Amino acid sequence: TGIMMLALNGLRKDELFALTIKDVDLENKTIIIYETRDYHGT
């Protein structure tokens, strides 16, 4: 799922790591990106 999100939806690796279920809207088929996660945290 993570690889598909990166390849098909244009997410960056650190954006994928910060995603939570509340960021994904399956009804409207959207992902909201507002955070990033790396060795400094989210």
All heavy atoms as atom14 arrays in JSON, in Angstrom:
{
  "sequence": "TGIMMLALNGLRKDELFALTIKDVDLENKTIIIYETRDYHGT",
  "atom14_mask": [
    [1, 1, 1, 1, 1, 1, 1, 0, 0, 0, 0, 0, 0, 0],
    [1, 1, 1, 1, 0, 0, 0, 0, 0, 0, 0, 0, 0, 0],
    [1, 1, 1, 1, 1, 1, 1, 1, 0, 0, 0, 0, 0, 0],
    [1, 1, 1, 1, 1, 1, 1, 1, 0, 0, 0, 0, 0, 0],
    [1, 1, 1, 1, 1, 1, 1, 1, 0, 0, 0, 0, 0, 0],
    [1, 1, 1, 1, 1, 1, 1, 1, 0, 0, 0, 0, 0, 0],
    [1, 1, 1, 1, 1, 0, 0, 0, 0, 0, 0, 0, 0, 0],
    [1, 1, 1, 1, 1, 1, 1, 1, 0, 0, 0, 0, 0, 0],
    [1, 1, 1, 1, 1, 1, 1, 1, 0, 0, 0, 0, 0, 0],
    [1, 1, 1, 1, 0, 0, 0, 0, 0, 0, 0, 0, 0, 0],
    [1, 1, 1, 1, 1, 1, 1, 1, 0, 0, 0, 0, 0, 0],
    [1, 1, 1, 1, 1, 1, 1, 1, 1, 1, 1, 0, 0, 0],
    [1, 1, 1, 1, 1, 1, 1, 1, 1, 0, 0, 0, 0, 0],
    [1, 1, 1, 1, 1, 1, 1, 1, 0, 0, 0, 0, 0, 0],
    [1, 1, 1, 1, 1, 1, 1, 1, 1, 0, 0, 0, 0, 0],
    [1, 1, 1, 1, 1, 1, 1, 1, 0, 0, 0, 0, 0, 0],
    [1, 1, 1, 1, 1, 1, 1, 1, 1, 1, 1, 0, 0, 0],
    [1, 1, 1, 1, 1, 0, 0, 0, 0, 0, 0, 0, 0, 0],
    [1, 1, 1, 1, 1, 1, 1, 1, 0, 0, 0, 0, 0, 0],
    [1, 1, 1, 1, 1, 1, 1, 0, 0, 0, 0, 0, 0, 0],
    [1, 1, 1, 1, 1, 1, 1, 1, 0, 0, 0, 0, 0, 0],
    [1, 1, 1, 1, 1, 1, 1, 1, 1, 0, 0, 0, 0, 0],
    [1, 1, 1, 1, 1, 1, 1, 1, 0, 0, 0, 0, 0, 0],
    [1, 1, 1, 1, 1, 1, 1, 0, 0, 0, 0, 0, 0, 0],
    [1, 1, 1, 1, 1, 1, 1, 1, 0, 0, 0, 0, 0, 0],
    [1, 1, 1, 1, 1, 1, 1, 1, 0, 0, 0, 0, 0, 0],
    [1, 1, 1, 1, 1, 1, 1, 1, 1, 0, 0, 0, 0, 0],
    [1, 1, 1, 1, 1, 1, 1, 1, 0, 0, 0, 0, 0, 0],
    [1, 1, 1, 1, 1, 1, 1, 1, 1, 0, 0, 0, 0, 0],
    [1, 1, 1, 1, 1, 1, 1, 0, 0, 0, 0, 0, 0, 0],
    [1, 1, 1, 1, 1, 1, 1, 1, 0, 0, 0, 0, 0, 0],
    [1, 1, 1, 1, 1, 1, 1, 1, 0, 0, 0, 0, 0, 0],
    [1, 1, 1, 1, 1, 1, 1, 1, 0, 0, 0, 0, 0, 0],
    [1, 1, 1, 1, 1, 1, 1, 1, 1, 1, 1, 1, 0, 0],
    [1, 1, 1, 1, 1, 1, 1, 1, 1, 0, 0, 0, 0, 0],
    [1, 1, 1, 1, 1, 1, 1, 0, 0, 0, 0, 0, 0, 0],
    [1, 1, 1, 1, 1, 1, 1, 1, 1, 1, 1, 0, 0, 0],
    [1, 1, 1, 1, 1, 1, 1, 1, 0, 0, 0, 0, 0, 0],
    [1, 1, 1, 1, 1, 1, 1, 1, 1, 1, 1, 1, 0, 0],
    [1, 1, 1, 1, 1, 1, 1, 1, 1, 1, 0, 0, 0, 0],
    [1, 1, 1, 1, 0, 0, 0, 0, 0, 0, 0, 0, 0, 0],
    [1, 1, 1, 1, 1, 1, 1, 0, 0, 0, 0, 0, 0, 0]
  ],
  "atom14_positions": [
    [[0.83, -1.21, 0.0], [0.0, 0.0, 0.0], [0.86, 1.25, 0.0], [0.6, 2.21, -0.73], [-0.94, -0.01, 1.21], [-1.73, -1.19, 1.17], [-1.85, 1.21, 1.22], [0.0, 0.0, 0.0], [0.0, 0.0, 0.0], [0.0, 0.0, 0.0], [0.0, 0.0, 0.0], [0.0, 0.0, 0.0], [0.0, 0.0, 0.0], [0.0, 0.0, 0.0]],
    [[1.9, 1.26, 0.82], [2.8, 2.41, 0.87], [3.5, 2.67, -0.45], [3.57, 3.82, -0.92], [0.0, 0.0, 0.0], [0.0, 0.0, 0.0], [0.0, 0.0, 0.0], [0.0, 0.0, 0.0], [0.0, 0.0, 0.0], [0.0, 0.0, 0.0], [0.0, 0.0, 0.0], [0.0, 0.0, 0.0], [0.0, 0.0, 0.0], [0.0, 0.0, 0.0]],
    [[3.98, 1.63, -1.07], [4.65, 1.78, -2.37], [3.68, 2.29, -3.42], [4.01, 3.17, -4.23], [5.3, 0.44, -2.8], [6.48, 0.13, -1.88], [5.72, 0.48, -4.26], [7.02, -1.26, -1.99], [0.0, 0.0, 0.0], [0.0, 0.0, 0.0], [0.0, 0.0, 0.0], [0.0, 0.0, 0.0], [0.0, 0.0, 0.0], [0.0, 0.0, 0.0]],
    [[2.46, 1.78, -3.41], [1.45, 2.24, -4.36], [1.1, 3.71, -4.13], [0.92, 4.47, -5.08], [0.19, 1.37, -4.28], [0.42, -0.07, -4.69], [1.1, -0.24, -6.35], [-0.34, 0.09, -7.32], [0.0, 0.0, 0.0], [0.0, 0.0, 0.0], [0.0, 0.0, 0.0], [0.0, 0.0, 0.0], [0.0, 0.0, 0.0], [0.0, 0.0, 0.0]],
    [[1.02, 4.12, -2.87], [0.74, 5.53, -2.56], [1.85, 6.43, -3.09], [1.58, 7.49, -3.65], [0.6, 5.73, -1.05], [-0.54, 4.97, -0.42], [-2.13, 5.67, -0.8], [-2.11, 7.09, 0.23], [0.0, 0.0, 0.0], [0.0, 0.0, 0.0], [0.0, 0.0, 0.0], [0.0, 0.0, 0.0], [0.0, 0.0, 0.0], [0.0, 0.0, 0.0]],
    [[3.08, 6.0, -2.93], [4.21, 6.79, -3.43], [4.19, 6.86, -4.96], [4.34, 7.93, -5.54], [5.53, 6.17, -2.96], [5.82, 6.25, -1.47], [7.02, 5.38, -1.13], [6.06, 7.68, -1.03], [0.0, 0.0, 0.0], [0.0, 0.0, 0.0], [0.0, 0.0, 0.0], [0.0, 0.0, 0.0], [0.0, 0.0, 0.0], [0.0, 0.0, 0.0]],
    [[3.98, 5.72, -5.59], [4.08, 5.65, -7.05], [2.89, 6.28, -7.77], [3.07, 6.99, -8.76], [4.22, 4.19, -7.48], [0.0, 0.0, 0.0], [0.0, 0.0, 0.0], [0.0, 0.0, 0.0], [0.0, 0.0, 0.0], [0.0, 0.0, 0.0], [0.0, 0.0, 0.0], [0.0, 0.0, 0.0], [0.0, 0.0, 0.0], [0.0, 0.0, 0.0]],
    [[1.69, 6.02, -7.28], [0.5, 6.43, -8.02], [-0.07, 7.79, -7.62], [-0.79, 8.41, -8.39], [-0.6, 5.37, -7.87], [-0.28, 4.0, -8.45], [-1.39, 3.02, -8.13], [-0.05, 4.08, -9.95], [0.0, 0.0, 0.0], [0.0, 0.0, 0.0], [0.0, 0.0, 0.0], [0.0, 0.0, 0.0], [0.0, 0.0, 0.0], [0.0, 0.0, 0.0]],
    [[0.22, 8.24, -6.41], [-0.4, 9.45, -5.92], [0.57, 10.6, -5.67], [0.17, 11.66, -5.25], [-1.2, 9.15, -4.65], [-2.32, 8.17, -4.92], [-3.15, 8.41, -5.78], [-2.32, 7.05, -4.24], [0.0, 0.0, 0.0], [0.0, 0.0, 0.0], [0.0, 0.0, 0.0], [0.0, 0.0, 0.0], [0.0, 0.0, 0.0], [0.0, 0.0, 0.0]],
    [[1.85, 10.39, -5.93], [2.81, 11.47, -5.86], [3.21, 11.9, -4.46], [3.71, 13.01, -4.27], [0.0, 0.0, 0.0], [0.0, 0.0, 0.0], [0.0, 0.0, 0.0], [0.0, 0.0, 0.0], [0.0, 0.0, 0.0], [0.0, 0.0, 0.0], [0.0, 0.0, 0.0], [0.0, 0.0, 0.0], [0.0, 0.0, 0.0], [0.0, 0.0, 0.0]],
    [[3.01, 11.04, -3.47], [3.44, 11.38, -2.13], [4.94, 11.27, -2.01], [5.58, 10.46, -2.69], [2.81, 10.43, -1.11], [1.5, 10.86, -0.49], [0.4, 10.77, -1.5], [1.2, 10.03, 0.72], [0.0, 0.0, 0.0], [0.0, 0.0, 0.0], [0.0, 0.0, 0.0], [0.0, 0.0, 0.0], [0.0, 0.0, 0.0], [0.0, 0.0, 0.0]],
    [[5.5, 12.06, -1.13], [6.91, 11.93, -0.78], [7.0, 10.96, 0.4], [6.06, 10.81, 1.16], [7.47, 13.29, -0.39], [7.43, 14.29, -1.53], [7.93, 15.66, -1.07], [7.78, 16.62, -2.14], [6.85, 17.57, -2.18], [6.0, 17.71, -1.19], [6.78, 18.4, -3.2], [0.0, 0.0, 0.0], [0.0, 0.0, 0.0], [0.0, 0.0, 0.0]],
    [[8.14, 10.34, 0.54], [8.34, 9.33, 1.59], [8.01, 9.88, 2.97], [7.28, 9.24, 3.74], [9.79, 8.84, 1.49], [10.33, 8.11, 2.67], [11.77, 7.69, 2.44], [12.71, 8.84, 2.35], [13.49, 9.17, 3.5], [0.0, 0.0, 0.0], [0.0, 0.0, 0.0], [0.0, 0.0, 0.0], [0.0, 0.0, 0.0], [0.0, 0.0, 0.0]],
    [[8.51, 11.05, 3.31], [8.27, 11.62, 4.64], [6.81, 12.01, 4.84], [6.31, 12.0, 5.96], [9.18, 12.82, 4.88], [10.65, 12.42, 4.95], [10.93, 11.23, 5.17], [11.51, 13.31, 4.81], [0.0, 0.0, 0.0], [0.0, 0.0, 0.0], [0.0, 0.0, 0.0], [0.0, 0.0, 0.0], [0.0, 0.0, 0.0], [0.0, 0.0, 0.0]],
    [[6.1, 12.34, 3.77], [4.67, 12.64, 3.86], [3.89, 11.35, 4.13], [2.96, 11.35, 4.93], [4.17, 13.27, 2.57], [4.75, 14.64, 2.31], [4.47, 15.18, 0.93], [4.1, 14.41, 0.02], [4.62, 16.4, 0.75], [0.0, 0.0, 0.0], [0.0, 0.0, 0.0], [0.0, 0.0, 0.0], [0.0, 0.0, 0.0], [0.0, 0.0, 0.0]],
    [[4.29, 10.28, 3.48], [3.65, 8.98, 3.71], [3.82, 8.55, 5.16], [2.88, 8.08, 5.8], [4.24, 7.92, 2.77], [3.71, 6.51, 2.94], [2.23, 6.45, 2.56], [4.51, 5.54, 2.1], [0.0, 0.0, 0.0], [0.0, 0.0, 0.0], [0.0, 0.0, 0.0], [0.0, 0.0, 0.0], [0.0, 0.0, 0.0], [0.0, 0.0, 0.0]],
    [[5.01, 8.74, 5.71], [5.28, 8.35, 7.1], [4.42, 9.13, 8.08], [4.1, 8.64, 9.17], [6.75, 8.55, 7.44], [7.69, 7.65, 6.69], [9.01, 8.01, 6.53], [7.27, 6.45, 6.15], [9.9, 7.2, 5.84], [8.15, 5.62, 5.46], [9.46, 6.0, 5.31], [0.0, 0.0, 0.0], [0.0, 0.0, 0.0], [0.0, 0.0, 0.0]],
    [[4.01, 10.35, 7.73], [3.22, 11.2, 8.63], [1.72, 10.98, 8.49], [0.94, 11.48, 9.3], [3.55, 12.67, 8.39], [0.0, 0.0, 0.0], [0.0, 0.0, 0.0], [0.0, 0.0, 0.0], [0.0, 0.0, 0.0], [0.0, 0.0, 0.0], [0.0, 0.0, 0.0], [0.0, 0.0, 0.0], [0.0, 0.0, 0.0], [0.0, 0.0, 0.0]],
    [[1.29, 10.23, 7.47], [-0.14, 10.03, 7.24], [-0.81, 9.28, 8.38], [-0.25, 8.34, 8.93], [-0.38, 9.23, 5.96], [-0.43, 9.96, 4.65], [-0.78, 8.99, 3.53], [-1.4, 11.11, 4.65], [0.0, 0.0, 0.0], [0.0, 0.0, 0.0], [0.0, 0.0, 0.0], [0.0, 0.0, 0.0], [0.0, 0.0, 0.0], [0.0, 0.0, 0.0]],
    [[-2.03, 9.7, 8.68], [-2.89, 8.95, 9.59], [-4.21, 8.71, 8.87], [-4.48, 9.3, 7.82], [-3.14, 9.72, 10.9], [-3.84, 10.93, 10.6], [-1.84, 10.05, 11.62], [0.0, 0.0, 0.0], [0.0, 0.0, 0.0], [0.0, 0.0, 0.0], [0.0, 0.0, 0.0], [0.0, 0.0, 0.0], [0.0, 0.0, 0.0], [0.0, 0.0, 0.0]],
    [[-5.05, 7.9, 9.46], [-6.32, 7.57, 8.82], [-7.19, 8.81, 8.64], [-7.95, 8.91, 7.68], [-7.06, 6.45, 9.6], [-8.2, 5.88, 8.79], [-7.54, 6.95, 10.94], [-7.79, 5.1, 7.58], [0.0, 0.0, 0.0], [0.0, 0.0, 0.0], [0.0, 0.0, 0.0], [0.0, 0.0, 0.0], [0.0, 0.0, 0.0], [0.0, 0.0, 0.0]],
    [[-7.06, 9.8, 9.51], [-7.86, 11.02, 9.38], [-7.45, 11.86, 8.17], [-8.21, 12.71, 7.73], [-7.81, 11.85, 10.65], [-6.47, 12.44, 10.96], [-6.52, 13.27, 12.25], [-5.18, 13.74, 12.69], [-4.37, 14.44, 11.74], [0.0, 0.0, 0.0], [0.0, 0.0, 0.0], [0.0, 0.0, 0.0], [0.0, 0.0, 0.0], [0.0, 0.0, 0.0]],
    [[-6.3, 11.6, 7.61], [-5.82, 12.34, 6.44], [-6.36, 11.78, 5.12], [-6.18, 12.39, 4.07], [-4.29, 12.33, 6.38], [-3.66, 12.9, 7.63], [-4.23, 13.85, 8.2], [-2.6, 12.39, 8.05], [0.0, 0.0, 0.0], [0.0, 0.0, 0.0], [0.0, 0.0, 0.0], [0.0, 0.0, 0.0], [0.0, 0.0, 0.0], [0.0, 0.0, 0.0]],
    [[-6.99, 10.61, 5.18], [-7.47, 9.94, 3.97], [-9.0, 10.01, 3.94], [-9.66, 9.58, 4.88], [-7.0, 8.47, 3.93], [-7.5, 7.78, 2.68], [-5.48, 8.4, 4.03], [0.0, 0.0, 0.0], [0.0, 0.0, 0.0], [0.0, 0.0, 0.0], [0.0, 0.0, 0.0], [0.0, 0.0, 0.0], [0.0, 0.0, 0.0], [0.0, 0.0, 0.0]],
    [[-9.53, 10.56, 2.86], [-10.98, 10.66, 2.66], [-11.36, 9.77, 1.49], [-11.24, 10.17, 0.33], [-11.36, 12.12, 2.4], [-12.85, 12.34, 2.23], [-13.61, 11.35, 2.14], [-13.26, 13.51, 2.19], [0.0, 0.0, 0.0], [0.0, 0.0, 0.0], [0.0, 0.0, 0.0], [0.0, 0.0, 0.0], [0.0, 0.0, 0.0], [0.0, 0.0, 0.0]],
    [[-11.8, 8.55, 1.79], [-12.12, 7.6, 0.73], [-13.39, 8.0, -0.01], [-13.51, 7.71, -1.2], [-12.27, 6.19, 1.32], [-10.99, 5.57, 1.87], [-11.28, 4.21, 2.49], [-9.93, 5.46, 0.79], [0.0, 0.0, 0.0], [0.0, 0.0, 0.0], [0.0, 0.0, 0.0], [0.0, 0.0, 0.0], [0.0, 0.0, 0.0], [0.0, 0.0, 0.0]],
    [[-14.32, 8.66, 0.66], [-15.56, 9.08, 0.0], [-15.28, 10.07, -1.13], [-15.83, 9.97, -2.22], [-16.51, 9.7, 1.02], [-17.87, 10.02, 0.46], [-18.82, 10.48, 1.54], [-18.87, 9.84, 2.61], [-19.51, 11.49, 1.31], [0.0, 0.0, 0.0], [0.0, 0.0, 0.0], [0.0, 0.0, 0.0], [0.0, 0.0, 0.0], [0.0, 0.0, 0.0]],
    [[-14.39, 11.03, -0.87], [-14.04, 12.03, -1.87], [-12.76, 11.69, -2.64], [-12.31, 12.48, -3.47], [-13.9, 13.4, -1.22], [-15.22, 13.9, -0.68], [-16.22, 13.87, -1.37], [-15.23, 14.32, 0.57], [0.0, 0.0, 0.0], [0.0, 0.0, 0.0], [0.0, 0.0, 0.0], [0.0, 0.0, 0.0], [0.0, 0.0, 0.0], [0.0, 0.0, 0.0]],
    [[-12.17, 10.53, -2.3], [-10.94, 10.06, -2.95], [-9.83, 11.1, -2.89], [-9.25, 11.49, -3.9], [-11.2, 9.63, -4.39], [-12.09, 8.42, -4.54], [-12.18, 8.01, -5.99], [-13.02, 6.78, -6.16], [-13.09, 6.36, -7.55], [0.0, 0.0, 0.0], [0.0, 0.0, 0.0], [0.0, 0.0, 0.0], [0.0, 0.0, 0.0], [0.0, 0.0, 0.0]],
    [[-9.54, 11.57, -1.68], [-8.46, 12.55, -1.49], [-7.59, 12.19, -0.29], [-8.03, 11.49, 0.63], [-9.02, 13.97, -1.28], [-9.86, 13.98, -0.13], [-9.77, 14.47, -2.5], [0.0, 0.0, 0.0], [0.0, 0.0, 0.0], [0.0, 0.0, 0.0], [0.0, 0.0, 0.0], [0.0, 0.0, 0.0], [0.0, 0.0, 0.0], [0.0, 0.0, 0.0]],
    [[-6.37, 12.7, -0.32], [-5.44, 12.61, 0.79], [-5.02, 14.04, 1.12], [-4.64, 14.8, 0.23], [-4.19, 11.79, 0.42], [-4.58, 10.38, 0.0], [-3.2, 11.77, 1.58], [-3.44, 9.6, -0.63], [0.0, 0.0, 0.0], [0.0, 0.0, 0.0], [0.0, 0.0, 0.0], [0.0, 0.0, 0.0], [0.0, 0.0, 0.0], [0.0, 0.0, 0.0]],
    [[-5.1, 14.4, 2.38], [-4.69, 15.74, 2.81], [-3.28, 15.65, 3.38], [-3.02, 14.88, 4.3], [-5.66, 16.3, 3.87], [-7.07, 16.36, 3.31], [-5.19, 17.66, 4.35], [-8.13, 16.62, 4.34], [0.0, 0.0, 0.0], [0.0, 0.0, 0.0], [0.0, 0.0, 0.0], [0.0, 0.0, 0.0], [0.0, 0.0, 0.0], [0.0, 0.0, 0.0]],
    [[-2.38, 16.43, 2.8], [-0.99, 16.47, 3.26], [-0.77, 17.78, 4.0], [-0.95, 18.86, 3.43], [-0.01, 16.39, 2.07], [-0.25, 15.12, 1.26], [1.43, 16.5, 2.55], [0.02, 13.85, 2.01], [0.0, 0.0, 0.0], [0.0, 0.0, 0.0], [0.0, 0.0, 0.0], [0.0, 0.0, 0.0], [0.0, 0.0, 0.0], [0.0, 0.0, 0.0]],
    [[-0.43, 17.71, 5.27], [-0.11, 18.91, 6.02], [1.03, 18.69, 7.01], [1.45, 19.61, 7.7], [-1.35, 19.48, 6.73], [-1.91, 18.58, 7.8], [-1.54, 18.76, 9.13], [-2.8, 17.57, 7.49], [-2.04, 17.94, 10.12], [-3.31, 16.75, 8.47], [-2.93, 16.94, 9.78], [-3.42, 16.11, 10.75], [0.0, 0.0, 0.0], [0.0, 0.0, 0.0]],
    [[1.54, 17.45, 7.05], [2.65, 17.15, 7.95], [3.69, 16.3, 7.23], [3.42, 15.71, 6.19], [2.16, 16.37, 9.17], [1.29, 17.16, 10.1], [0.85, 16.33, 11.29], [0.52, 15.15, 11.13], [0.86, 16.91, 12.39], [0.0, 0.0, 0.0], [0.0, 0.0, 0.0], [0.0, 0.0, 0.0], [0.0, 0.0, 0.0], [0.0, 0.0, 0.0]],
    [[4.85, 16.25, 7.83], [5.93, 15.4, 7.35], [6.53, 14.7, 8.57], [6.35, 15.16, 9.7], [6.99, 16.23, 6.59], [7.94, 15.36, 6.0], [7.69, 17.22, 7.47], [0.0, 0.0, 0.0], [0.0, 0.0, 0.0], [0.0, 0.0, 0.0], [0.0, 0.0, 0.0], [0.0, 0.0, 0.0], [0.0, 0.0, 0.0], [0.0, 0.0, 0.0]],
    [[7.21, 13.6, 8.35], [7.83, 12.88, 9.46], [9.21, 12.41, 9.03], [9.37, 11.79, 7.98], [6.98, 11.69, 9.87], [7.54, 10.96, 11.06], [6.66, 9.77, 11.39], [7.25, 9.06, 12.48], [6.73, 8.97, 13.68], [5.59, 9.54, 13.95], [7.34, 8.28, 14.62], [0.0, 0.0, 0.0], [0.0, 0.0, 0.0], [0.0, 0.0, 0.0]],
    [[10.19, 12.72, 9.86], [11.56, 12.27, 9.6], [12.24, 12.02, 10.94], [11.55, 11.85, 11.95], [12.32, 13.3, 8.75], [12.36, 14.69, 9.36], [12.1, 14.82, 10.58], [12.66, 15.64, 8.63], [0.0, 0.0, 0.0], [0.0, 0.0, 0.0], [0.0, 0.0, 0.0], [0.0, 0.0, 0.0], [0.0, 0.0, 0.0], [0.0, 0.0, 0.0]],
    [[13.54, 12.01, 10.98], [14.25, 11.71, 12.22], [14.03, 12.76, 13.3], [14.34, 12.55, 14.46], [15.74, 11.48, 11.97], [16.46, 12.63, 11.32], [17.06, 13.62, 12.08], [16.55, 12.73, 9.94], [17.71, 14.69, 11.49], [17.21, 13.79, 9.33], [17.78, 14.76, 10.12], [18.42, 15.81, 9.53], [0.0, 0.0, 0.0], [0.0, 0.0, 0.0]],
    [[13.45, 13.91, 12.95], [13.1, 14.94, 13.92], [11.7, 14.72, 14.49], [11.27, 15.43, 15.38], [13.15, 16.34, 13.3], [14.52, 16.77, 12.88], [15.55, 16.95, 13.77], [15.03, 17.04, 11.66], [16.63, 17.32, 13.13], [16.35, 17.37, 11.83], [0.0, 0.0, 0.0], [0.0, 0.0, 0.0], [0.0, 0.0, 0.0], [0.0, 0.0, 0.0]],
    [[10.95, 13.77, 13.93], [9.59, 13.5, 14.35], [8.58, 14.06, 13.37], [8.93, 14.48, 12.27], [0.0, 0.0, 0.0], [0.0, 0.0, 0.0], [0.0, 0.0, 0.0], [0.0, 0.0, 0.0], [0.0, 0.0, 0.0], [0.0, 0.0, 0.0], [0.0, 0.0, 0.0], [0.0, 0.0, 0.0], [0.0, 0.0, 0.0], [0.0, 0.0, 0.0]],
    [[7.32, 14.09, 13.77], [6.26, 14.62, 12.93], [6.16, 16.12, 13.15], [6.16, 16.59, 14.29], [4.91, 13.96, 13.26], [5.05, 12.55, 13.09], [3.8, 14.47, 12.37], [0.0, 0.0, 0.0], [0.0, 0.0, 0.0], [0.0, 0.0, 0.0], [0.0, 0.0, 0.0], [0.0, 0.0, 0.0], [0.0, 0.0, 0.0], [0.0, 0.0, 0.0]]
  ]
}
